[in-house]
N, C-alpha and C. Protein backbone atom coordinates (compact mmCIF):
# COMPACT_ATOMS: atom_id res chain seq x y z
N THR A 1 0.85 -1.19 0.00
CA THR A 1 0.00 0.00 0.00
C THR A 1 0.87 1.22 0.00
N GLY A 2 0.37 2.24 -0.68
CA GLY A 2 1.12 3.49 -0.74
C GLY A 2 0.65 4.43 0.34
N ALA A 3 1.05 5.68 0.20
CA ALA A 3 0.69 6.71 1.18
C ALA A 3 -0.82 6.90 1.22
N GLY A 4 -1.49 6.70 0.06
CA GLY A 4 -2.94 6.85 0.00
C GLY A 4 -3.65 5.82 0.84
N GLY A 5 -3.06 4.64 1.04
CA GLY A 5 -3.69 3.58 1.81
C GLY A 5 -3.51 3.77 3.31
N ILE A 6 -2.41 4.40 3.72
CA ILE A 6 -2.14 4.58 5.16
C ILE A 6 -3.05 5.66 5.73
N MET A 7 -3.24 6.75 4.99
CA MET A 7 -4.02 7.88 5.50
C MET A 7 -5.46 7.47 5.83
N PRO A 8 -6.15 6.70 4.98
CA PRO A 8 -7.51 6.30 5.36
C PRO A 8 -7.49 5.42 6.62
N ASP A 9 -6.47 4.56 6.77
CA ASP A 9 -6.38 3.72 7.98
C ASP A 9 -6.18 4.58 9.21
N VAL A 10 -5.31 5.59 9.10
CA VAL A 10 -5.04 6.49 10.24
C VAL A 10 -6.31 7.28 10.55
N ARG A 11 -6.93 7.77 9.51
CA ARG A 11 -8.16 8.55 9.69
C ARG A 11 -9.24 7.70 10.38
N ARG A 12 -9.39 6.44 9.92
CA ARG A 12 -10.38 5.55 10.51
C ARG A 12 -10.04 5.24 11.97
N ALA A 13 -8.76 5.01 12.26
CA ALA A 13 -8.34 4.72 13.63
C ALA A 13 -8.61 5.93 14.53
N LEU A 14 -8.32 7.14 14.03
CA LEU A 14 -8.58 8.35 14.81
C LEU A 14 -10.07 8.54 15.05
N LEU A 15 -10.85 8.25 14.04
CA LEU A 15 -12.30 8.37 14.17
C LEU A 15 -12.84 7.37 15.19
N GLU A 16 -12.37 6.13 15.14
CA GLU A 16 -12.80 5.11 16.09
C GLU A 16 -12.39 5.49 17.51
N HIS A 17 -11.16 6.00 17.64
CA HIS A 17 -10.67 6.41 18.95
C HIS A 17 -11.52 7.58 19.49
N SER A 18 -11.82 8.52 18.61
CA SER A 18 -12.63 9.68 18.99
C SER A 18 -14.02 9.24 19.42
N GLU A 19 -14.61 8.29 18.69
CA GLU A 19 -15.94 7.80 19.03
C GLU A 19 -15.92 7.07 20.37
N ALA A 20 -14.86 6.29 20.60
CA ALA A 20 -14.74 5.58 21.87
C ALA A 20 -14.61 6.57 23.02
N GLN A 21 -13.80 7.60 22.84
CA GLN A 21 -13.64 8.63 23.88
C GLN A 21 -14.99 9.32 24.13
N HIS A 22 -15.70 9.57 23.07
CA HIS A 22 -17.00 10.23 23.20
C HIS A 22 -17.96 9.37 24.03
N ARG A 23 -17.99 8.06 23.77
CA ARG A 23 -18.86 7.17 24.54
C ARG A 23 -18.46 7.15 26.01
N VAL A 24 -17.15 7.09 26.27
CA VAL A 24 -16.68 7.08 27.66
C VAL A 24 -17.10 8.37 28.35
N LEU A 25 -16.93 9.50 27.67
CA LEU A 25 -17.31 10.78 28.26
C LEU A 25 -18.82 10.87 28.48
N GLU A 26 -19.60 10.35 27.55
CA GLU A 26 -21.06 10.34 27.73
C GLU A 26 -21.45 9.51 28.94
N ASP A 27 -20.85 8.32 29.09
CA ASP A 27 -21.14 7.46 30.24
C ASP A 27 -20.77 8.17 31.54
N TYR A 28 -19.60 8.78 31.56
CA TYR A 28 -19.14 9.50 32.75
C TYR A 28 -20.10 10.65 33.08
N ALA A 29 -20.50 11.39 32.04
CA ALA A 29 -21.40 12.53 32.23
C ALA A 29 -22.74 12.06 32.77
N GLU A 30 -23.26 10.95 32.26
CA GLU A 30 -24.53 10.42 32.74
C GLU A 30 -24.42 9.99 34.20
N THR A 31 -23.33 9.33 34.55
CA THR A 31 -23.11 8.89 35.94
C THR A 31 -23.05 10.11 36.86
N GLN A 32 -22.27 11.11 36.47
CA GLN A 32 -22.14 12.32 37.29
C GLN A 32 -23.49 13.04 37.39
N GLN A 33 -24.24 13.04 36.31
CA GLN A 33 -25.53 13.70 36.32
C GLN A 33 -26.48 13.00 37.30
N ARG A 34 -26.48 11.66 37.29
CA ARG A 34 -27.33 10.92 38.23
C ARG A 34 -26.92 11.22 39.67
N LYS A 35 -25.62 11.25 39.94
CA LYS A 35 -25.14 11.57 41.28
C LYS A 35 -25.57 12.98 41.69
N LEU A 36 -25.38 13.92 40.78
CA LEU A 36 -25.74 15.31 41.09
C LEU A 36 -27.23 15.46 41.31
N LEU A 37 -28.03 14.77 40.50
CA LEU A 37 -29.48 14.86 40.68
C LEU A 37 -29.91 14.29 42.03
N GLY A 38 -29.27 13.20 42.44
CA GLY A 38 -29.57 12.63 43.76
C GLY A 38 -29.20 13.60 44.87
N SER A 39 -28.01 14.18 44.77
CA SER A 39 -27.57 15.15 45.77
C SER A 39 -28.46 16.38 45.76
N LEU A 40 -28.81 16.81 44.58
CA LEU A 40 -29.66 17.99 44.43
C LEU A 40 -31.02 17.75 45.06
N SER A 41 -31.56 16.58 44.85
CA SER A 41 -32.86 16.24 45.42
C SER A 41 -32.81 16.30 46.94
N ALA A 42 -31.77 15.75 47.52
CA ALA A 42 -31.63 15.76 48.99
C ALA A 42 -31.47 17.20 49.49
N VAL A 43 -30.65 17.97 48.80
CA VAL A 43 -30.42 19.36 49.21
C VAL A 43 -31.71 20.17 49.06
N GLU A 44 -32.43 19.93 47.97
CA GLU A 44 -33.69 20.65 47.76
C GLU A 44 -34.69 20.34 48.87
N HIS A 45 -34.78 19.08 49.26
CA HIS A 45 -35.72 18.68 50.30
C HIS A 45 -35.36 19.37 51.62
N LYS A 46 -34.08 19.35 51.97
CA LYS A 46 -33.64 19.98 53.21
C LYS A 46 -33.85 21.49 53.15
N ALA A 47 -33.48 22.09 52.03
CA ALA A 47 -33.62 23.53 51.87
C ALA A 47 -35.10 23.93 51.91
N SER A 48 -35.93 23.11 51.33
CA SER A 48 -37.36 23.39 51.33
C SER A 48 -37.91 23.44 52.74
N ARG A 49 -37.53 22.46 53.54
CA ARG A 49 -38.00 22.43 54.94
C ARG A 49 -37.48 23.64 55.71
N GLU A 50 -36.21 23.98 55.52
CA GLU A 50 -35.63 25.12 56.24
C GLU A 50 -36.21 26.44 55.75
N ALA A 51 -36.41 26.54 54.45
CA ALA A 51 -36.88 27.79 53.87
C ALA A 51 -38.34 28.05 54.20
N GLU A 52 -39.11 26.99 54.32
CA GLU A 52 -40.54 27.16 54.58
C GLU A 52 -40.78 27.93 55.86
N GLY A 53 -40.01 27.62 56.90
CA GLY A 53 -40.17 28.32 58.17
C GLY A 53 -39.79 29.79 58.09
N SER A 54 -38.68 30.07 57.42
CA SER A 54 -38.21 31.45 57.36
C SER A 54 -38.91 32.26 56.28
N PHE A 55 -39.56 31.59 55.35
CA PHE A 55 -40.22 32.31 54.27
C PHE A 55 -41.33 33.21 54.78
N LYS A 56 -42.13 32.70 55.70
CA LYS A 56 -43.25 33.48 56.24
C LYS A 56 -42.72 34.75 56.92
N ALA A 57 -41.67 34.60 57.72
CA ALA A 57 -41.10 35.77 58.40
C ALA A 57 -40.52 36.76 57.40
N LEU A 58 -39.84 36.24 56.40
CA LEU A 58 -39.27 37.11 55.36
C LEU A 58 -40.37 37.82 54.60
N GLU A 59 -41.42 37.10 54.27
CA GLU A 59 -42.53 37.70 53.55
C GLU A 59 -43.16 38.83 54.36
N ALA A 60 -43.36 38.60 55.65
CA ALA A 60 -43.94 39.64 56.51
C ALA A 60 -43.02 40.84 56.59
N SER A 61 -41.74 40.59 56.73
CA SER A 61 -40.76 41.68 56.81
C SER A 61 -40.73 42.48 55.51
N LEU A 62 -40.72 41.79 54.38
CA LEU A 62 -40.71 42.47 53.09
C LEU A 62 -41.97 43.27 52.87
N THR A 63 -43.10 42.70 53.27
CA THR A 63 -44.38 43.41 53.13
C THR A 63 -44.37 44.68 53.96
N GLU A 64 -43.90 44.57 55.18
CA GLU A 64 -43.83 45.74 56.07
C GLU A 64 -42.89 46.80 55.49
N ASN A 65 -41.74 46.34 55.01
CA ASN A 65 -40.77 47.25 54.41
C ASN A 65 -41.35 47.93 53.17
N LEU A 66 -42.02 47.16 52.34
CA LEU A 66 -42.61 47.71 51.12
C LEU A 66 -43.70 48.72 51.45
N GLU A 67 -44.52 48.39 52.42
CA GLU A 67 -45.58 49.33 52.81
C GLU A 67 -44.99 50.63 53.32
N ALA A 68 -43.92 50.54 54.11
CA ALA A 68 -43.26 51.75 54.62
C ALA A 68 -42.68 52.57 53.47
N ARG A 69 -42.03 51.90 52.53
CA ARG A 69 -41.44 52.61 51.38
C ARG A 69 -42.52 53.25 50.52
N LEU A 70 -43.63 52.53 50.33
CA LEU A 70 -44.73 53.09 49.54
C LEU A 70 -45.31 54.33 50.23
N ALA A 71 -45.43 54.28 51.55
CA ALA A 71 -45.94 55.44 52.29
C ALA A 71 -44.99 56.63 52.12
N LYS A 72 -43.68 56.38 52.22
CA LYS A 72 -42.70 57.46 52.04
C LYS A 72 -42.77 58.01 50.62
N GLN A 73 -42.86 57.12 49.63
CA GLN A 73 -42.92 57.57 48.24
C GLN A 73 -44.20 58.34 47.97
N SER A 74 -45.29 57.92 48.57
CA SER A 74 -46.57 58.63 48.41
C SER A 74 -46.44 60.03 48.98
N HIS A 75 -45.85 60.14 50.17
CA HIS A 75 -45.64 61.45 50.80
C HIS A 75 -44.75 62.32 49.91
N TRP A 76 -43.67 61.73 49.40
CA TRP A 76 -42.74 62.48 48.55
C TRP A 76 -43.45 62.94 47.28
N LEU A 77 -44.25 62.06 46.68
CA LEU A 77 -44.96 62.40 45.45
C LEU A 77 -45.96 63.53 45.70
N THR A 78 -46.66 63.46 46.82
CA THR A 78 -47.60 64.53 47.17
C THR A 78 -46.86 65.85 47.32
N SER A 79 -45.70 65.80 47.97
CA SER A 79 -44.87 67.00 48.13
C SER A 79 -44.41 67.53 46.78
N GLN A 80 -43.99 66.62 45.89
CA GLN A 80 -43.53 67.04 44.57
C GLN A 80 -44.66 67.66 43.76
N MET A 81 -45.86 67.10 43.87
CA MET A 81 -47.01 67.65 43.15
C MET A 81 -47.31 69.05 43.65
N SER A 82 -47.24 69.24 44.95
CA SER A 82 -47.47 70.56 45.54
C SER A 82 -46.42 71.55 45.04
N THR A 83 -45.17 71.12 45.02
CA THR A 83 -44.08 71.97 44.52
C THR A 83 -44.31 72.30 43.06
N PHE A 84 -44.72 71.33 42.27
CA PHE A 84 -44.97 71.54 40.85
C PHE A 84 -46.08 72.57 40.66
N GLU A 85 -47.14 72.46 41.46
CA GLU A 85 -48.24 73.43 41.36
C GLU A 85 -47.75 74.83 41.68
N ARG A 86 -46.90 74.95 42.72
CA ARG A 86 -46.34 76.26 43.08
C ARG A 86 -45.47 76.79 41.95
N VAL A 87 -44.67 75.92 41.34
CA VAL A 87 -43.81 76.33 40.23
C VAL A 87 -44.66 76.81 39.06
N GLN A 88 -45.74 76.10 38.78
CA GLN A 88 -46.62 76.53 37.68
C GLN A 88 -47.20 77.91 37.97
N THR A 89 -47.64 78.12 39.22
CA THR A 89 -48.18 79.43 39.61
C THR A 89 -47.13 80.51 39.46
N HIS A 90 -45.91 80.23 39.97
CA HIS A 90 -44.82 81.21 39.86
C HIS A 90 -44.47 81.46 38.39
N SER A 91 -44.49 80.42 37.58
CA SER A 91 -44.18 80.58 36.15
C SER A 91 -45.20 81.49 35.49
N ALA A 92 -46.47 81.30 35.83
CA ALA A 92 -47.52 82.16 35.27
C ALA A 92 -47.30 83.60 35.73
N ASP A 93 -46.97 83.77 37.02
CA ASP A 93 -46.69 85.12 37.54
C ASP A 93 -45.50 85.74 36.83
N ILE A 94 -44.47 84.96 36.61
CA ILE A 94 -43.27 85.45 35.94
C ILE A 94 -43.60 85.86 34.50
N ARG A 95 -44.43 85.05 33.83
CA ARG A 95 -44.83 85.40 32.46
C ARG A 95 -45.59 86.73 32.45
N LYS A 96 -46.50 86.93 33.41
CA LYS A 96 -47.26 88.19 33.48
C LYS A 96 -46.32 89.36 33.72
N VAL A 97 -45.42 89.21 34.67
CA VAL A 97 -44.48 90.29 34.98
C VAL A 97 -43.58 90.57 33.77
N THR A 98 -43.16 89.50 33.09
CA THR A 98 -42.31 89.67 31.90
C THR A 98 -43.07 90.44 30.82
N GLU A 99 -44.33 90.09 30.62
CA GLU A 99 -45.15 90.82 29.63
C GLU A 99 -45.28 92.29 30.03
N GLN A 100 -45.55 92.54 31.32
CA GLN A 100 -45.66 93.93 31.79
C GLN A 100 -44.35 94.67 31.61
N LEU A 101 -43.24 94.00 31.89
CA LEU A 101 -41.93 94.63 31.73
C LEU A 101 -41.68 94.95 30.25
N GLU A 102 -42.02 94.03 29.36
CA GLU A 102 -41.84 94.28 27.93
C GLU A 102 -42.70 95.45 27.48
N GLN A 103 -43.93 95.51 27.98
CA GLN A 103 -44.81 96.64 27.63
C GLN A 103 -44.24 97.96 28.17
N THR A 104 -43.74 97.91 29.41
CA THR A 104 -43.14 99.11 30.01
C THR A 104 -41.91 99.54 29.22
N GLN A 105 -41.08 98.56 28.84
CA GLN A 105 -39.88 98.89 28.05
C GLN A 105 -40.27 99.49 26.71
N ALA A 106 -41.33 98.98 26.10
CA ALA A 106 -41.80 99.53 24.82
C ALA A 106 -42.30 100.96 25.02
N ARG A 107 -43.03 101.22 26.12
CA ARG A 107 -43.50 102.58 26.41
C ARG A 107 -42.34 103.53 26.67
N VAL A 108 -41.34 103.04 27.42
CA VAL A 108 -40.15 103.86 27.70
C VAL A 108 -39.45 104.19 26.39
N ALA A 109 -39.31 103.20 25.52
CA ALA A 109 -38.66 103.43 24.22
C ALA A 109 -39.45 104.45 23.42
N ASP A 110 -40.79 104.35 23.44
CA ASP A 110 -41.63 105.32 22.73
C ASP A 110 -41.44 106.71 23.31
N LEU A 111 -41.43 106.80 24.66
CA LEU A 111 -41.24 108.10 25.32
C LEU A 111 -39.87 108.68 25.01
N GLU A 112 -38.83 107.84 25.00
CA GLU A 112 -37.48 108.32 24.68
C GLU A 112 -37.41 108.81 23.24
N ALA A 113 -38.08 108.07 22.34
CA ALA A 113 -38.10 108.50 20.94
C ALA A 113 -38.85 109.82 20.81
N ALA A 114 -39.97 109.96 21.51
CA ALA A 114 -40.73 111.21 21.47
C ALA A 114 -39.90 112.35 22.04
N GLU A 115 -39.19 112.07 23.14
CA GLU A 115 -38.32 113.08 23.77
C GLU A 115 -37.21 113.48 22.81
N ALA A 116 -36.65 112.53 22.09
CA ALA A 116 -35.57 112.82 21.14
C ALA A 116 -36.13 113.69 20.00
N ARG A 117 -37.36 113.38 19.54
CA ARG A 117 -37.98 114.20 18.48
C ARG A 117 -38.25 115.62 19.00
N ARG A 118 -38.73 115.73 20.24
CA ARG A 118 -39.01 117.03 20.84
C ARG A 118 -37.73 117.85 20.96
N GLN A 119 -36.65 117.18 21.36
CA GLN A 119 -35.36 117.89 21.51
C GLN A 119 -34.89 118.38 20.14
N ARG A 120 -35.07 117.57 19.12
CA ARG A 120 -34.66 118.00 17.76
C ARG A 120 -35.50 119.18 17.29
N CYS A 121 -36.79 119.15 17.62
CA CYS A 121 -37.66 120.24 17.21
C CYS A 121 -37.30 121.53 17.95
N LEU A 122 -36.89 121.41 19.21
CA LEU A 122 -36.48 122.60 19.97
C LEU A 122 -35.23 123.22 19.37
N GLY A 123 -34.44 122.39 18.76
CA GLY A 123 -33.21 122.89 18.15
C GLY A 123 -33.48 123.51 16.80
N CYS A 124 -34.64 123.33 16.24
CA CYS A 124 -34.95 123.85 14.90
C CYS A 124 -35.12 125.35 14.88
C-alpha cells in the first residue's frame, strides 16, 4: 500500500478512537448527572424544609418594608405635586411680569423716541 492507503487507515483509527472517547465521556457525564441529581434532590428537600419556616417571616418583613417605602414615596410624590403646582403658579406670575416689563420697556422706548424728536424740534 502506498501513502494513500495509510491515510484512510489512520483517519479511521482516529475516528474510532474519537468515538470511543466520546462514549466514555457520555457514560461519565450520565453517571455524574445521576449523582448530582440525587444530591440535588436531597439538598432541595432539606432547603425546602428550612426555607418554609423562614419564608413566612421574610414575607412579613418584606411586606412591612414595602408598605413603609410606599408610604414614604406617596408622601414624597404629594410633596412634589405641591411643589410643581407652586412652580406653575410662579411661572404664570413670571410670564405676566415679563409681559408687563416688555410693555413698560416699549413705552419707555416710545417716550425716549418722542423726547428725542421734541429735543430735535427745539433745536430747529
